[in-house]
Amino acid sequence: QVQLVESGGGSVQTGGSLTLSCTASSDIYCMGWFRQAPGEEREGVGTINWNGGTSYADSLKGRFTISRDNDKNTLYLRLNTLGPEDTAMYYCAARDSRLNCSTSGGEFPYWGQGTQVTVSS
């Protein structure tokens, strides 16, 4: 069993940036970020594998950057040029599979509690 804990959420003005963190209880090959706004379906943000290979949602690529520190078992999400449409609960997720490390490539059995990001105009 893997436990994930997100942090770094908060309020920011339009155009601002924020960095989210997710610390895992153990190393895991595939980690990713999802987000969900009230009344909306959960949306995949992107993933990163153990070797640093990333995959992003097309609509977010260029503004969001995923990275990880394997020594710290920590996943990061850098949110840039934020707008009100980015307001959501952001969730960290992980799975052991070395294949299909993308938000749509399979189920993620491990999830964090989420961290809220609120962007005001």
C-alpha atoms as a PDB file:
ATOM      1  CA  GLN A   1       0.000   0.000   0.000  1.00  0.00           C
ATOM      2  CA  VAL A   2       1.227   3.453  -0.944  1.00  0.00           C
ATOM      3  CA  GLN A   3       0.169   6.622   0.818  1.00  0.00           C
ATOM      4  CA  LEU A   4       0.254   9.960  -0.995  1.00  0.00           C
ATOM      5  CA  VAL A   5       0.048  13.380   0.616  1.00  0.00           C
ATOM      6  CA  GLU A   6      -0.407  16.553  -1.416  1.00  0.00           C
ATOM      7  CA  SER A   7       0.498  20.048  -0.323  1.00  0.00           C
ATOM      8  CA  GLY A   8       1.107  23.485  -1.764  1.00  0.00           C
ATOM      9  CA  GLY A   9      -2.393  24.481  -2.768  1.00  0.00           C
ATOM     10  CA  GLY A  10      -3.781  27.901  -2.058  1.00  0.00           C
ATOM     11  CA  SER A  11      -5.176  31.052  -3.582  1.00  0.00           C
ATOM     12  CA  VAL A  12      -3.485  32.979  -6.353  1.00  0.00           C
ATOM     13  CA  GLN A  13      -4.445  35.776  -8.714  1.00  0.00           C
ATOM     14  CA  THR A  14      -4.890  35.291 -12.429  1.00  0.00           C
ATOM     15  CA  GLY A  15      -1.529  35.047 -14.130  1.00  0.00           C
ATOM     16  CA  GLY A  16       0.207  33.790 -11.042  1.00  0.00           C
ATOM     17  CA  SER A  17       2.023  30.542 -10.389  1.00  0.00           C
ATOM     18  CA  LEU A  18       1.908  27.834  -7.791  1.00  0.00           C
ATOM     19  CA  THR A  19       3.852  24.669  -7.040  1.00  0.00           C
ATOM     20  CA  LEU A  20       2.125  21.589  -5.685  1.00  0.00           C
ATOM     21  CA  SER A  21       3.918  18.712  -4.000  1.00  0.00           C
ATOM     22  CA  CYS A  22       3.016  15.092  -3.415  1.00  0.00           C
ATOM     23  CA  THR A  23       5.065  12.937  -1.099  1.00  0.00           C
ATOM     24  CA  ALA A  24       4.753   9.166  -1.377  1.00  0.00           C
ATOM     25  CA  SER A  25       5.412   6.622   1.337  1.00  0.00           C
ATOM     26  CA  SER A  26       7.544   4.606  -1.057  1.00  0.00           C
ATOM     27  CA  ASP A  27       8.992   4.767  -4.534  1.00  0.00           C
ATOM     28  CA  ILE A  28       6.601   4.047  -7.377  1.00  0.00           C
ATOM     29  CA  TYR A  29       7.135   3.995 -11.108  1.00  0.00           C
ATOM     30  CA  CYS A  30       4.258   6.065 -12.419  1.00  0.00           C
ATOM     31  CA  MET A  31       2.908   9.155 -10.718  1.00  0.00           C
ATOM     32  CA  GLY A  32       0.463  11.724 -11.963  1.00  0.00           C
ATOM     33  CA  TRP A  33      -1.774  14.662 -11.301  1.00  0.00           C
ATOM     34  CA  PHE A  34      -5.517  14.983 -11.772  1.00  0.00           C
ATOM     35  CA  ARG A  35      -7.891  17.803 -11.000  1.00  0.00           C
ATOM     36  CA  GLN A  36     -11.600  18.180 -10.424  1.00  0.00           C
ATOM     37  CA  ALA A  37     -13.677  21.324 -10.186  1.00  0.00           C
ATOM     38  CA  PRO A  38     -17.048  21.316  -8.393  1.00  0.00           C
ATOM     39  CA  GLY A  39     -19.710  19.866 -10.657  1.00  0.00           C
ATOM     40  CA  GLU A  40     -17.134  18.806 -13.242  1.00  0.00           C
ATOM     41  CA  GLU A  41     -15.620  15.487 -14.181  1.00  0.00           C
ATOM     42  CA  ARG A  42     -12.155  14.617 -13.047  1.00  0.00           C
ATOM     43  CA  GLU A  43      -9.529  15.656 -15.561  1.00  0.00           C
ATOM     44  CA  GLY A  44      -6.101  14.205 -16.091  1.00  0.00           C
ATOM     45  CA  VAL A  45      -3.310  16.761 -15.888  1.00  0.00           C
ATOM     46  CA  GLY A  46      -0.268  14.662 -16.629  1.00  0.00           C
ATOM     47  CA  THR A  47       2.107  11.950 -15.503  1.00  0.00           C
ATOM     48  CA  ILE A  48       5.783  11.296 -14.973  1.00  0.00           C
ATOM     49  CA  ASN A  49       7.602   7.996 -14.766  1.00  0.00           C
ATOM     50  CA  TRP A  50      10.589   7.015 -12.650  1.00  0.00           C
ATOM     51  CA  ASN A  51      12.986   8.075 -15.381  1.00  0.00           C
ATOM     52  CA  GLY A  52      11.467  11.515 -15.765  1.00  0.00           C
ATOM     53  CA  GLY A  53       9.437  10.888 -18.885  1.00  0.00           C
ATOM     54  CA  THR A  54       6.317  13.044 -18.889  1.00  0.00           C
ATOM     55  CA  SER A  55       2.922  13.058 -20.519  1.00  0.00           C
ATOM     56  CA  TYR A  56       0.550  16.025 -20.413  1.00  0.00           C
ATOM     57  CA  ALA A  57      -2.986  16.820 -21.350  1.00  0.00           C
ATOM     58  CA  ASP A  58      -2.856  18.752 -24.623  1.00  0.00           C
ATOM     59  CA  SER A  59      -4.857  21.628 -23.212  1.00  0.00           C
ATOM     60  CA  LEU A  60      -2.438  22.113 -20.330  1.00  0.00           C
ATOM     61  CA  LYS A  61       0.893  21.374 -21.947  1.00  0.00           C
ATOM     62  CA  GLY A  62       3.084  24.444 -21.883  1.00  0.00           C
ATOM     63  CA  ARG A  63       1.606  25.933 -18.727  1.00  0.00           C
ATOM     64  CA  PHE A  64       1.986  23.038 -16.311  1.00  0.00           C
ATOM     65  CA  THR A  65       5.209  21.195 -15.574  1.00  0.00           C
ATOM     66  CA  ILE A  66       5.533  17.881 -13.763  1.00  0.00           C
ATOM     67  CA  SER A  67       8.746  16.814 -12.092  1.00  0.00           C
ATOM     68  CA  ARG A  68       9.850  14.404  -9.379  1.00  0.00           C
ATOM     69  CA  ASP A  69      12.613  13.847  -6.885  1.00  0.00           C
ATOM     70  CA  ASN A  70      13.107  10.116  -6.538  1.00  0.00           C
ATOM     71  CA  ASP A  71      15.381  10.467  -3.519  1.00  0.00           C
ATOM     72  CA  LYS A  72      12.549  12.193  -1.675  1.00  0.00           C
ATOM     73  CA  ASN A  73       9.712  10.154  -3.224  1.00  0.00           C
ATOM     74  CA  THR A  74       8.148  13.478  -4.095  1.00  0.00           C
ATOM     75  CA  LEU A  75       6.132  14.563  -7.113  1.00  0.00           C
ATOM     76  CA  TYR A  76       5.737  18.196  -8.131  1.00  0.00           C
ATOM     77  CA  LEU A  77       3.374  20.154 -10.309  1.00  0.00           C
ATOM     78  CA  ARG A  78       4.320  23.672 -11.353  1.00  0.00           C
ATOM     79  CA  LEU A  79       1.260  25.656 -12.345  1.00  0.00           C
ATOM     80  CA  ASN A  80       1.992  28.721 -14.458  1.00  0.00           C
ATOM     81  CA  THR A  81      -0.123  31.483 -15.956  1.00  0.00           C
ATOM     82  CA  LEU A  82      -3.073  30.419 -13.885  1.00  0.00           C
ATOM     83  CA  GLY A  83      -6.604  31.486 -14.678  1.00  0.00           C
ATOM     84  CA  PRO A  84      -9.963  31.037 -12.947  1.00  0.00           C
ATOM     85  CA  GLU A  85     -10.590  27.977 -15.113  1.00  0.00           C
ATOM     86  CA  ASP A  86      -7.755  26.257 -13.269  1.00  0.00           C
ATOM     87  CA  THR A  87      -9.586  26.432  -9.962  1.00  0.00           C
ATOM     88  CA  ALA A  88     -10.019  22.857  -8.780  1.00  0.00           C
ATOM     89  CA  MET A  89      -9.024  20.242  -6.293  1.00  0.00           C
ATOM     90  CA  TYR A  90      -5.750  18.782  -7.472  1.00  0.00           C
ATOM     91  CA  TYR A  91      -5.032  15.137  -6.729  1.00  0.00           C
ATOM     92  CA  CYS A  92      -1.849  13.140  -6.768  1.00  0.00           C
ATOM     93  CA  ALA A  93      -2.098   9.554  -7.994  1.00  0.00           C
ATOM     94  CA  ALA A  94       0.265   6.648  -8.589  1.00  0.00           C
ATOM     95  CA  ARG A  95       0.498   3.130  -9.967  1.00  0.00           C
ATOM     96  CA  ASP A  96       3.225   0.493 -10.133  1.00  0.00           C
ATOM     97  CA  SER A  97       2.938  -0.450 -13.791  1.00  0.00           C
ATOM     98  CA  ARG A  98       5.880   0.382 -16.015  1.00  0.00           C
ATOM     99  CA  LEU A  99       3.555   0.560 -18.996  1.00  0.00           C
ATOM    100  CA  ASN A 100       0.994   3.134 -20.031  1.00  0.00           C
ATOM    101  CA  CYS A 101       2.181   5.860 -17.714  1.00  0.00           C
ATOM    102  CA  SER A 102      -0.449   8.372 -18.740  1.00  0.00           C
ATOM    103  CA  THR A 103      -3.649   9.620 -17.167  1.00  0.00           C
ATOM    104  CA  SER A 104      -5.695   7.520 -19.589  1.00  0.00           C
ATOM    105  CA  GLY A 105      -3.413   4.482 -19.689  1.00  0.00           C
ATOM    106  CA  GLY A 106      -4.958   2.603 -16.818  1.00  0.00           C
ATOM    107  CA  GLU A 107      -6.319   2.793 -13.321  1.00  0.00           C
ATOM    108  CA  PHE A 108      -4.447   4.527 -10.543  1.00  0.00           C
ATOM    109  CA  PRO A 109      -4.940   2.573  -7.305  1.00  0.00           C
ATOM    110  CA  TYR A 110      -3.199   5.093  -5.074  1.00  0.00           C
ATOM    111  CA  TRP A 111      -4.582   8.577  -4.468  1.00  0.00           C
ATOM    112  CA  GLY A 112      -3.857  11.495  -2.220  1.00  0.00           C
ATOM    113  CA  GLN A 113      -6.431  13.551  -0.354  1.00  0.00           C
ATOM    114  CA  GLY A 114      -6.167  16.489  -2.727  1.00  0.00           C
ATOM    115  CA  THR A 115      -5.065  20.077  -2.384  1.00  0.00           C
ATOM    116  CA  GLN A 116      -7.243  23.018  -3.363  1.00  0.00           C
ATOM    117  CA  VAL A 117      -6.115  25.580  -5.917  1.00  0.00           C
ATOM    118  CA  THR A 118      -8.200  28.715  -6.224  1.00  0.00           C
ATOM    119  CA  VAL A 119      -7.478  31.323  -8.879  1.00  0.00           C
ATOM    120  CA  SER A 120      -9.166  34.691  -8.604  1.00  0.00           C
ATOM    121  CA  SER A 121      -9.536  37.333 -11.274  1.00  0.00           C
END
